[in-house]
Amino acid sequence: MIYGDKNLGVIVQNITGKQGTFHTELMNAYAREVGGCGVVAGVAPGKAGREVHGVPVYNTVKEALREHDATASVVFVPAGAAGDSIMEAAHAGIELAVVITEHIPVHDVMKATAYAKLHDCTVIGPNCPGLLSPGECKLGIMPAHLARRGNVGVVSRSGTLTYEVVDELTRAGIGQSTIVGIGGDPVIGQTFVDVLARFDEDPHTKAVVVIGEVGGNLEEEGVRSTDLPVVTYIAGVSAPPEKRMGHAGAIIEGGEGDARSKVRRLRARNIPVASRPSEIPGLIREVL
């Protein structure tokens, strides 16, 4: 439970939107299942007084926090206004903002994450599936039925690969402590280094799976920063250079950030690298 437990109160920004409404119900269904707080309030400008699946709606984050005990926010606000919404949450006192929205302008993200840092607000994402601590809390859109409680952390740039790896671990009888999707954009809040530092301090986490992809070197920085046993998987060994691959940050530029060189450098440091997700449970058993 590196970002919160079942006592974590959550608000949803743009709770009346299609995605906000849909995932509020799923987050609260999980909270009811595990005995957690879940989503206690929603925000949608001009729609105060409504309810979404029994959750009261307010015009602003500040108004919501006057009536409810919450320290986390899940942001489903459309891209053009999402940067402002992150800053609104940070200014109001939210300590953790999980930003699901994709296609937020890069300069908006740079400004919003810097502002949030000044206000001691941790940002996960944008363009991420959120986080899940099995048996404790779910913030975002991860399919909780794939996960089970355990002592292996998972941190990833890819939502879909996260789900696949978690499913492989669970079917092999290996549970997860916390699963974090940090997002696939060029500019993100929490990096592998940040998340692995929290896993280092978490008594429930005994090993970590790092799921990376082409672009940048964040995976390598993360692996170098931790004392925990780590197993990695790097997607995109066949990705062509100079072509963006799905995620905005997944691009090989100037001969840097390709998957094959990442794999070579990780293996040179004696870090286990899976060739496919199904190899990960076996590698985890070897390092535990």
C-alpha atoms as a PDB file:
ATOM      1  CA  MET A   1       0.000   0.000   0.000  1.00  0.00           C
ATOM      2  CA  ILE A   2       2.416   2.606  -1.184  1.00  0.00           C
ATOM      3  CA  TYR A   3      -0.024   5.408  -1.958  1.00  0.00           C
ATOM      4  CA  GLY A   4      -2.961   4.625   0.300  1.00  0.00           C
ATOM      5  CA  ASP A   5      -5.109   1.935   1.902  1.00  0.00           C
ATOM      6  CA  LYS A   6      -8.793   1.229   2.349  1.00  0.00           C
ATOM      7  CA  ASN A   7      -9.160   4.354   4.518  1.00  0.00           C
ATOM      8  CA  LEU A   8      -8.264   6.604   1.565  1.00  0.00           C
ATOM      9  CA  GLY A   9     -11.083   9.001   0.677  1.00  0.00           C
ATOM     10  CA  VAL A  10     -11.289   9.795  -3.035  1.00  0.00           C
ATOM     11  CA  ILE A  11     -12.969  12.434  -5.168  1.00  0.00           C
ATOM     12  CA  VAL A  12     -13.539  12.163  -8.913  1.00  0.00           C
ATOM     13  CA  GLN A  13     -13.073  15.250 -11.106  1.00  0.00           C
ATOM     14  CA  ASN A  14     -15.589  15.305 -13.980  1.00  0.00           C
ATOM     15  CA  ILE A  15     -17.682  12.664 -12.264  1.00  0.00           C
ATOM     16  CA  THR A  16     -20.653  13.440 -14.516  1.00  0.00           C
ATOM     17  CA  GLY A  17     -18.735  12.611 -17.692  1.00  0.00           C
ATOM     18  CA  LYS A  18     -19.166   9.203 -19.308  1.00  0.00           C
ATOM     19  CA  GLN A  19     -15.867   7.776 -18.058  1.00  0.00           C
ATOM     20  CA  GLY A  20     -16.079   9.451 -14.656  1.00  0.00           C
ATOM     21  CA  THR A  21     -19.566   8.065 -14.045  1.00  0.00           C
ATOM     22  CA  PHE A  22     -18.705   4.567 -15.263  1.00  0.00           C
ATOM     23  CA  HIS A  23     -15.514   4.179 -13.265  1.00  0.00           C
ATOM     24  CA  THR A  24     -16.901   5.791 -10.106  1.00  0.00           C
ATOM     25  CA  GLU A  25     -19.343   2.899  -9.880  1.00  0.00           C
ATOM     26  CA  LEU A  26     -16.553   0.348 -10.442  1.00  0.00           C
ATOM     27  CA  MET A  27     -14.240   2.003  -7.896  1.00  0.00           C
ATOM     28  CA  ASN A  28     -16.991   2.066  -5.294  1.00  0.00           C
ATOM     29  CA  ALA A  29     -18.026  -1.521  -6.041  1.00  0.00           C
ATOM     30  CA  TYR A  30     -14.431  -2.513  -5.237  1.00  0.00           C
ATOM     31  CA  ALA A  31     -14.419  -0.320  -2.124  1.00  0.00           C
ATOM     32  CA  ARG A  32     -17.596  -2.025  -0.890  1.00  0.00           C
ATOM     33  CA  GLU A  33     -16.040  -5.437  -1.573  1.00  0.00           C
ATOM     34  CA  VAL A  34     -12.932  -4.709   0.526  1.00  0.00           C
ATOM     35  CA  GLY A  35     -14.587  -2.484   3.154  1.00  0.00           C
ATOM     36  CA  GLY A  36     -12.926   0.732   1.966  1.00  0.00           C
ATOM     37  CA  CYS A  37     -13.962   4.387   1.696  1.00  0.00           C
ATOM     38  CA  GLY A  38     -13.867   4.683  -2.100  1.00  0.00           C
ATOM     39  CA  VAL A  39     -15.222   7.738  -3.898  1.00  0.00           C
ATOM     40  CA  VAL A  40     -16.835  10.067  -1.352  1.00  0.00           C
ATOM     41  CA  ALA A  41     -17.541  13.052  -3.630  1.00  0.00           C
ATOM     42  CA  GLY A  42     -17.429  14.211  -7.222  1.00  0.00           C
ATOM     43  CA  VAL A  43     -16.684  17.498  -8.949  1.00  0.00           C
ATOM     44  CA  ALA A  44     -18.289  18.932 -12.076  1.00  0.00           C
ATOM     45  CA  PRO A  45     -18.520  22.733 -12.527  1.00  0.00           C
ATOM     46  CA  GLY A  46     -22.125  23.919 -12.686  1.00  0.00           C
ATOM     47  CA  LYS A  47     -23.563  20.569 -11.586  1.00  0.00           C
ATOM     48  CA  ALA A  48     -23.487  20.888  -7.794  1.00  0.00           C
ATOM     49  CA  GLY A  49     -26.402  19.209  -6.042  1.00  0.00           C
ATOM     50  CA  ARG A  50     -26.592  16.205  -8.354  1.00  0.00           C
ATOM     51  CA  GLU A  51     -25.654  12.667  -7.397  1.00  0.00           C
ATOM     52  CA  VAL A  52     -23.788  10.035  -9.428  1.00  0.00           C
ATOM     53  CA  HIS A  53     -24.393   6.473  -8.183  1.00  0.00           C
ATOM     54  CA  GLY A  54     -25.196   7.991  -4.781  1.00  0.00           C
ATOM     55  CA  VAL A  55     -22.053  10.157  -4.718  1.00  0.00           C
ATOM     56  CA  PRO A  56     -22.736  13.888  -4.173  1.00  0.00           C
ATOM     57  CA  VAL A  57     -21.463  16.346  -6.810  1.00  0.00           C
ATOM     58  CA  TYR A  58     -19.886  19.754  -6.127  1.00  0.00           C
ATOM     59  CA  ASN A  59     -18.814  22.630  -8.350  1.00  0.00           C
ATOM     60  CA  THR A  60     -15.210  22.727  -7.142  1.00  0.00           C
ATOM     61  CA  VAL A  61     -12.678  20.561  -5.324  1.00  0.00           C
ATOM     62  CA  LYS A  62     -12.606  23.047  -2.448  1.00  0.00           C
ATOM     63  CA  GLU A  63     -16.380  22.776  -1.995  1.00  0.00           C
ATOM     64  CA  ALA A  64     -16.140  18.973  -1.977  1.00  0.00           C
ATOM     65  CA  LEU A  65     -13.365  18.993   0.622  1.00  0.00           C
ATOM     66  CA  ARG A  66     -15.387  21.248   2.933  1.00  0.00           C
ATOM     67  CA  GLU A  67     -17.948  18.443   3.259  1.00  0.00           C
ATOM     68  CA  HIS A  68     -15.874  15.259   2.847  1.00  0.00           C
ATOM     69  CA  ASP A  69     -12.628  13.756   4.100  1.00  0.00           C
ATOM     70  CA  ALA A  70     -10.585  13.023   0.974  1.00  0.00           C
ATOM     71  CA  THR A  71      -6.896  13.283   0.131  1.00  0.00           C
ATOM     72  CA  ALA A  72      -6.877  11.739  -3.352  1.00  0.00           C
ATOM     73  CA  SER A  73      -8.439  12.644  -6.670  1.00  0.00           C
ATOM     74  CA  VAL A  74      -8.977  10.733  -9.896  1.00  0.00           C
ATOM     75  CA  VAL A  75      -9.031  13.072 -12.912  1.00  0.00           C
ATOM     76  CA  PHE A  76     -11.273  12.222 -15.876  1.00  0.00           C
ATOM     77  CA  VAL A  77     -11.391  15.834 -17.116  1.00  0.00           C
ATOM     78  CA  PRO A  78     -11.058  16.312 -20.924  1.00  0.00           C
ATOM     79  CA  ALA A  79      -7.535  17.078 -22.141  1.00  0.00           C
ATOM     80  CA  GLY A  80      -7.986  20.809 -22.732  1.00  0.00           C
ATOM     81  CA  ALA A  81      -8.933  21.475 -19.098  1.00  0.00           C
ATOM     82  CA  ALA A  82      -7.084  18.641 -17.337  1.00  0.00           C
ATOM     83  CA  GLY A  83      -3.982  20.693 -16.531  1.00  0.00           C
ATOM     84  CA  ASP A  84      -6.090  23.300 -14.748  1.00  0.00           C
ATOM     85  CA  SER A  85      -7.933  20.531 -12.883  1.00  0.00           C
ATOM     86  CA  ILE A  86      -4.667  19.067 -11.577  1.00  0.00           C
ATOM     87  CA  MET A  87      -3.675  22.506 -10.301  1.00  0.00           C
ATOM     88  CA  GLU A  88      -7.129  23.027  -8.772  1.00  0.00           C
ATOM     89  CA  ALA A  89      -6.798  19.751  -6.866  1.00  0.00           C
ATOM     90  CA  ALA A  90      -3.287  20.593  -5.645  1.00  0.00           C
ATOM     91  CA  HIS A  91      -4.314  24.120  -4.603  1.00  0.00           C
ATOM     92  CA  ALA A  92      -7.282  22.727  -2.646  1.00  0.00           C
ATOM     93  CA  GLY A  93      -5.054  20.384  -0.639  1.00  0.00           C
ATOM     94  CA  ILE A  94      -5.348  17.074  -2.493  1.00  0.00           C
ATOM     95  CA  GLU A  95      -2.211  14.996  -1.786  1.00  0.00           C
ATOM     96  CA  LEU A  96      -2.498  12.472  -4.631  1.00  0.00           C
ATOM     97  CA  ALA A  97      -3.887  13.147  -8.132  1.00  0.00           C
ATOM     98  CA  VAL A  98      -4.295  10.167 -10.459  1.00  0.00           C
ATOM     99  CA  VAL A  99      -4.710  11.497 -13.993  1.00  0.00           C
ATOM    100  CA  ILE A 100      -6.386   9.104 -16.425  1.00  0.00           C
ATOM    101  CA  THR A 101      -6.851  11.685 -19.224  1.00  0.00           C
ATOM    102  CA  GLU A 102      -4.751  11.280 -22.365  1.00  0.00           C
ATOM    103  CA  HIS A 103      -3.673  13.813 -25.007  1.00  0.00           C
ATOM    104  CA  ILE A 104      -3.137  16.634 -22.495  1.00  0.00           C
ATOM    105  CA  PRO A 105      -0.906  19.294 -24.135  1.00  0.00           C
ATOM    106  CA  VAL A 106       2.704  18.775 -23.037  1.00  0.00           C
ATOM    107  CA  HIS A 107       3.158  22.325 -21.744  1.00  0.00           C
ATOM    108  CA  ASP A 108      -0.031  21.995 -19.678  1.00  0.00           C
ATOM    109  CA  VAL A 109       1.356  18.831 -18.041  1.00  0.00           C
ATOM    110  CA  MET A 110       4.733  20.461 -17.364  1.00  0.00           C
ATOM    111  CA  LYS A 111       3.042  23.456 -15.715  1.00  0.00           C
ATOM    112  CA  ALA A 112       0.545  21.350 -13.745  1.00  0.00           C
ATOM    113  CA  THR A 113       3.046  18.798 -12.390  1.00  0.00           C
ATOM    114  CA  ALA A 114       5.432  21.586 -11.345  1.00  0.00           C
ATOM    115  CA  TYR A 115       2.577  23.415  -9.610  1.00  0.00           C
ATOM    116  CA  ALA A 116       1.446  20.206  -7.891  1.00  0.00           C
ATOM    117  CA  LYS A 117       4.965  19.549  -6.631  1.00  0.00           C
ATOM    118  CA  LEU A 118       5.105  23.010  -5.077  1.00  0.00           C
ATOM    119  CA  HIS A 119       1.897  22.136  -3.203  1.00  0.00           C
ATOM    120  CA  ASP A 120       3.119  18.667  -2.072  1.00  0.00           C
ATOM    121  CA  CYS A 121       0.660  16.933  -4.362  1.00  0.00           C
ATOM    122  CA  THR A 122       1.872  13.687  -5.968  1.00  0.00           C
ATOM    123  CA  VAL A 123       0.733  13.216  -9.577  1.00  0.00           C
ATOM    124  CA  ILE A 124       0.418   9.769 -11.183  1.00  0.00           C
ATOM    125  CA  GLY A 125      -0.025   9.928 -14.970  1.00  0.00           C
ATOM    126  CA  PRO A 126      -1.366  11.438 -17.128  1.00  0.00           C
ATOM    127  CA  ASN A 127      -2.475   8.897 -19.717  1.00  0.00           C
ATOM    128  CA  CYS A 128      -2.350   6.113 -17.124  1.00  0.00           C
ATOM    129  CA  PRO A 129      -4.685   3.382 -15.785  1.00  0.00           C
ATOM    130  CA  GLY A 130      -4.137   4.480 -12.165  1.00  0.00           C
ATOM    131  CA  LEU A 131      -3.228   2.276  -9.231  1.00  0.00           C
ATOM    132  CA  LEU A 132      -4.568  -0.713  -7.372  1.00  0.00           C
ATOM    133  CA  SER A 133      -3.574  -2.137  -4.001  1.00  0.00           C
ATOM    134  CA  PRO A 134      -5.426  -5.481  -3.920  1.00  0.00           C
ATOM    135  CA  GLY A 135      -7.697  -5.743  -0.897  1.00  0.00           C
ATOM    136  CA  GLU A 136      -7.229  -2.057  -0.072  1.00  0.00           C
ATOM    137  CA  CYS A 137      -8.037   0.535  -2.744  1.00  0.00           C
ATOM    138  CA  LYS A 138      -8.464   1.138  -6.445  1.00  0.00           C
ATOM    139  CA  LEU A 139      -7.988   4.543  -8.081  1.00  0.00           C
ATOM    140  CA  GLY A 140      -8.557   4.549 -11.818  1.00  0.00           C
ATOM    141  CA  ILE A 141      -9.560   2.020 -14.405  1.00  0.00           C
ATOM    142  CA  MET A 142      -7.598  -1.177 -13.682  1.00  0.00           C
ATOM    143  CA  PRO A 143      -9.626  -4.409 -13.861  1.00  0.00           C
ATOM    144  CA  ALA A 144      -9.488  -5.428 -10.199  1.00  0.00           C
ATOM    145  CA  HIS A 145     -10.696  -8.993 -10.775  1.00  0.00           C
ATOM    146  CA  LEU A 146      -7.305  -9.869 -12.334  1.00  0.00           C
ATOM    147  CA  ALA A 147      -5.369  -9.036  -9.167  1.00  0.00           C
ATOM    148  CA  ARG A 148      -4.868 -10.771  -5.839  1.00  0.00           C
ATOM    149  CA  ARG A 149      -3.179  -9.629  -2.656  1.00  0.00           C
ATOM    150  CA  GLY A 150       0.507 -10.517  -2.305  1.00  0.00           C
ATOM    151  CA  ASN A 151       4.050  -9.183  -2.041  1.00  0.00           C
ATOM    152  CA  VAL A 152       5.108  -8.344  -5.605  1.00  0.00           C
ATOM    153  CA  GLY A 153       4.905  -4.756  -6.782  1.00  0.00           C
ATOM    154  CA  VAL A 154       4.175  -3.898 -10.406  1.00  0.00           C
ATOM    155  CA  VAL A 155       5.036  -0.572 -12.064  1.00  0.00           C
ATOM    156  CA  SER A 156       4.434   0.022 -15.734  1.00  0.00           C
ATOM    157  CA  ARG A 157       4.219   2.539 -18.578  1.00  0.00           C
ATOM    158  CA  SER A 158       1.573   0.479 -20.399  1.00  0.00           C
ATOM    159  CA  GLY A 159      -1.964  -0.109 -19.184  1.00  0.00           C
ATOM    160  CA  THR A 160      -2.738  -3.161 -21.303  1.00  0.00           C
ATOM    161  CA  LEU A 161       0.599  -4.842 -20.566  1.00  0.00           C
ATOM    162  CA  THR A 162      -0.001  -4.188 -16.878  1.00  0.00           C
ATOM    163  CA  TYR A 163      -3.241  -6.121 -17.013  1.00  0.00           C
ATOM    164  CA  GLU A 164      -1.604  -8.975 -18.907  1.00  0.00           C
ATOM    165  CA  VAL A 165       1.319  -9.262 -16.486  1.00  0.00           C
ATOM    166  CA  VAL A 166      -0.917  -9.059 -13.406  1.00  0.00           C
ATOM    167  CA  ASP A 167      -3.077 -11.817 -14.869  1.00  0.00           C
ATOM    168  CA  GLU A 168       0.014 -13.966 -15.469  1.00  0.00           C
ATOM    169  CA  LEU A 169       1.179 -13.419 -11.881  1.00  0.00           C
ATOM    170  CA  THR A 170      -2.220 -14.157 -10.355  1.00  0.00           C
ATOM    171  CA  ARG A 171      -2.763 -17.325 -12.405  1.00  0.00           C
ATOM    172  CA  ALA A 172       0.677 -18.485 -11.235  1.00  0.00           C
ATOM    173  CA  GLY A 173      -0.354 -17.937  -7.595  1.00  0.00           C
ATOM    174  CA  ILE A 174       1.761 -14.795  -7.122  1.00  0.00           C
ATOM    175  CA  GLY A 175      -0.112 -11.877  -5.549  1.00  0.00           C
ATOM    176  CA  GLN A 176       0.607  -8.170  -5.838  1.00  0.00           C
ATOM    177  CA  SER A 177       1.233  -5.535  -3.160  1.00  0.00           C
ATOM    178  CA  THR A 178       0.473  -2.482  -5.340  1.00  0.00           C
ATOM    179  CA  ILE A 179       0.124  -2.051  -9.107  1.00  0.00           C
ATOM    180  CA  VAL A 180       0.952   1.371 -10.538  1.00  0.00           C
ATOM    181  CA  GLY A 181       0.563   2.603 -14.109  1.00  0.00           C
ATOM    182  CA  ILE A 182       2.710   5.708 -14.481  1.00  0.00           C
ATOM    183  CA  GLY A 183       1.549   6.573 -18.007  1.00  0.00           C
ATOM    184  CA  GLY A 184       3.063   6.541 -21.457  1.00  0.00           C
ATOM    185  CA  ASP A 185       3.423  10.266 -22.155  1.00  0.00           C
ATOM    186  CA  PRO A 186       6.783  12.058 -22.581  1.00  0.00           C
ATOM    187  CA  VAL A 187       6.067  14.117 -19.432  1.00  0.00           C
ATOM    188  CA  ILE A 188       4.647  12.278 -16.411  1.00  0.00           C
ATOM    189  CA  GLY A 189       4.379  12.907 -12.689  1.00  0.00           C
ATOM    190  CA  GLN A 190       5.672   9.828 -10.872  1.00  0.00           C
ATOM    191  CA  THR A 191       8.558   8.048 -12.605  1.00  0.00           C
ATOM    192  CA  PHE A 192       9.919   4.532 -12.059  1.00  0.00           C
ATOM    193  CA  VAL A 193      12.435   6.022  -9.606  1.00  0.00           C
ATOM    194  CA  ASP A 194       9.661   7.637  -7.560  1.00  0.00           C
ATOM    195  CA  VAL A 195       7.481   4.521  -7.416  1.00  0.00           C
ATOM    196  CA  LEU A 196      10.380   2.171  -6.684  1.00  0.00           C
ATOM    197  CA  ALA A 197      11.467   4.429  -3.813  1.00  0.00           C
ATOM    198  CA  ARG A 198       8.026   3.876  -2.269  1.00  0.00           C
ATOM    199  CA  PHE A 199       8.244   0.123  -2.851  1.00  0.00           C
ATOM    200  CA  ASP A 200      11.651   0.168  -1.117  1.00  0.00           C
ATOM    201  CA  GLU A 201       9.966   1.515   2.021  1.00  0.00           C
ATOM    202  CA  ASP A 202       6.930  -0.767   1.820  1.00  0.00           C
ATOM    203  CA  PRO A 203       7.134  -3.800   4.155  1.00  0.00           C
ATOM    204  CA  HIS A 204       4.579  -5.654   2.014  1.00  0.00           C
ATOM    205  CA  THR A 205       6.714  -5.572  -1.159  1.00  0.00           C
ATOM    206  CA  LYS A 206       9.465  -8.196  -1.578  1.00  0.00           C
ATOM    207  CA  ALA A 207      10.127  -7.863  -5.340  1.00  0.00           C
ATOM    208  CA  VAL A 208       8.987  -5.666  -8.233  1.00  0.00           C
ATOM    209  CA  VAL A 209       8.091  -6.178 -11.884  1.00  0.00           C
ATOM    210  CA  VAL A 210       9.111  -3.194 -14.048  1.00  0.00           C
ATOM    211  CA  ILE A 211       7.292  -3.014 -17.387  1.00  0.00           C
ATOM    212  CA  GLY A 212       8.860  -0.617 -19.885  1.00  0.00           C
ATOM    213  CA  GLU A 213       8.706   0.193 -23.554  1.00  0.00           C
ATOM    214  CA  VAL A 214      10.674   2.066 -26.210  1.00  0.00           C
ATOM    215  CA  GLY A 215      11.570   5.703 -25.559  1.00  0.00           C
ATOM    216  CA  GLY A 216      13.786   7.374 -22.970  1.00  0.00           C
ATOM    217  CA  ASN A 217      15.665   5.577 -20.201  1.00  0.00           C
ATOM    218  CA  LEU A 218      13.310   5.813 -17.223  1.00  0.00           C
ATOM    219  CA  GLU A 219      13.277   2.030 -16.710  1.00  0.00           C
ATOM    220  CA  GLU A 220      17.053   1.882 -16.392  1.00  0.00           C
ATOM    221  CA  GLU A 221      17.115   4.828 -13.975  1.00  0.00           C
ATOM    222  CA  GLY A 222      14.477   3.084 -11.861  1.00  0.00           C
ATOM    223  CA  VAL A 223      16.239  -0.269 -11.713  1.00  0.00           C
ATOM    224  CA  ARG A 224      19.489   1.430 -10.690  1.00  0.00           C
ATOM    225  CA  SER A 225      17.709   3.242  -7.849  1.00  0.00           C
ATOM    226  CA  THR A 226      16.277   0.291  -5.895  1.00  0.00           C
ATOM    227  CA  ASP A 227      17.628  -2.389  -3.578  1.00  0.00           C
ATOM    228  CA  LEU A 228      14.646  -4.696  -4.180  1.00  0.00           C
ATOM    229  CA  PRO A 229      14.864  -7.718  -6.498  1.00  0.00           C
ATOM    230  CA  VAL A 230      13.542  -6.621  -9.898  1.00  0.00           C
ATOM    231  CA  VAL A 231      12.283  -8.463 -12.965  1.00  0.00           C
ATOM    232  CA  THR A 232      11.778  -6.426 -16.137  1.00  0.00           C
ATOM    233  CA  TYR A 233       9.926  -6.660 -19.402  1.00  0.00           C
ATOM    234  CA  ILE A 234      10.592  -4.181 -22.222  1.00  0.00           C
ATOM    235  CA  ALA A 235       8.007  -4.004 -25.000  1.00  0.00           C
ATOM    236  CA  GLY A 236       8.833  -3.016 -28.566  1.00  0.00           C
ATOM    237  CA  VAL A 237      11.871  -5.026 -29.665  1.00  0.00           C
ATOM    238  CA  SER A 238      10.538  -4.828 -33.243  1.00  0.00           C
ATOM    239  CA  ALA A 239       9.601  -1.133 -33.148  1.00  0.00           C
ATOM    240  CA  PRO A 240      10.988   0.870 -36.108  1.00  0.00           C
ATOM    241  CA  PRO A 241      13.094   3.974 -35.304  1.00  0.00           C
ATOM    242  CA  GLU A 242      11.648   7.512 -35.513  1.00  0.00           C
ATOM    243  CA  LYS A 243       8.062   6.183 -35.491  1.00  0.00           C
ATOM    244  CA  ARG A 244       5.793   6.830 -32.535  1.00  0.00           C
ATOM    245  CA  MET A 245       4.303   3.579 -31.194  1.00  0.00           C
ATOM    246  CA  GLY A 246       0.939   4.193 -29.566  1.00  0.00           C
ATOM    247  CA  HIS A 247       2.139   6.121 -26.530  1.00  0.00           C
ATOM    248  CA  ALA A 248       3.411   9.647 -27.091  1.00  0.00           C
ATOM    249  CA  GLY A 249       6.630   8.818 -25.249  1.00  0.00           C
ATOM    250  CA  ALA A 250       7.215   5.544 -27.106  1.00  0.00           C
ATOM    251  CA  ILE A 251       9.527   6.677 -29.862  1.00  0.00           C
ATOM    252  CA  ILE A 252      13.155   5.892 -30.695  1.00  0.00           C
ATOM    253  CA  GLU A 253      14.913   9.164 -31.470  1.00  0.00           C
ATOM    254  CA  GLY A 254      18.526   9.750 -32.378  1.00  0.00           C
ATOM    255  CA  GLY A 255      19.297   6.077 -31.872  1.00  0.00           C
ATOM    256  CA  GLU A 256      18.313   6.304 -28.178  1.00  0.00           C
ATOM    257  CA  GLY A 257      15.641   4.422 -26.262  1.00  0.00           C
ATOM    258  CA  ASP A 258      15.193   1.317 -28.396  1.00  0.00           C
ATOM    259  CA  ALA A 259      14.058  -1.848 -26.627  1.00  0.00           C
ATOM    260  CA  ARG A 260      16.982  -4.067 -27.671  1.00  0.00           C
ATOM    261  CA  SER A 261      19.620  -1.728 -26.221  1.00  0.00           C
ATOM    262  CA  LYS A 262      17.586  -1.359 -23.033  1.00  0.00           C
ATOM    263  CA  VAL A 263      17.446  -5.140 -22.688  1.00  0.00           C
ATOM    264  CA  ARG A 264      21.206  -5.417 -23.287  1.00  0.00           C
ATOM    265  CA  ARG A 265      22.021  -2.821 -20.647  1.00  0.00           C
ATOM    266  CA  LEU A 266      19.660  -4.389 -18.084  1.00  0.00           C
ATOM    267  CA  ARG A 267      21.084  -7.869 -18.625  1.00  0.00           C
ATOM    268  CA  ALA A 268      24.600  -6.419 -18.342  1.00  0.00           C
ATOM    269  CA  ARG A 269      23.603  -5.379 -14.805  1.00  0.00           C
ATOM    270  CA  ASN A 270      22.363  -8.927 -14.113  1.00  0.00           C
ATOM    271  CA  ILE A 271      18.736  -7.783 -14.080  1.00  0.00           C
ATOM    272  CA  PRO A 272      16.384 -10.547 -15.278  1.00  0.00           C
ATOM    273  CA  VAL A 273      14.553  -9.510 -18.458  1.00  0.00           C
ATOM    274  CA  ALA A 274      11.566 -11.525 -19.638  1.00  0.00           C
ATOM    275  CA  SER A 275      11.235 -12.124 -23.374  1.00  0.00           C
ATOM    276  CA  ARG A 276       7.458 -12.387 -23.005  1.00  0.00           C
ATOM    277  CA  PRO A 277       4.987 -11.734 -20.144  1.00  0.00           C
ATOM    278  CA  SER A 278       4.439 -15.446 -19.465  1.00  0.00           C
ATOM    279  CA  GLU A 279       8.096 -15.753 -18.361  1.00  0.00           C
ATOM    280  CA  ILE A 280       7.672 -13.216 -15.558  1.00  0.00           C
ATOM    281  CA  PRO A 281       6.194 -15.520 -12.841  1.00  0.00           C
ATOM    282  CA  GLY A 282       9.114 -17.933 -13.198  1.00  0.00           C
ATOM    283  CA  LEU A 283      11.664 -15.129 -13.012  1.00  0.00           C
ATOM    284  CA  ILE A 284       9.933 -13.661  -9.961  1.00  0.00           C
ATOM    285  CA  ARG A 285      10.145 -17.016  -8.155  1.00  0.00           C
ATOM    286  CA  GLU A 286      13.880 -17.077  -8.884  1.00  0.00           C
ATOM    287  CA  VAL A 287      14.514 -13.657  -7.305  1.00  0.00           C
ATOM    288  CA  LEU A 288      12.244 -14.040  -4.259  1.00  0.00           C
END
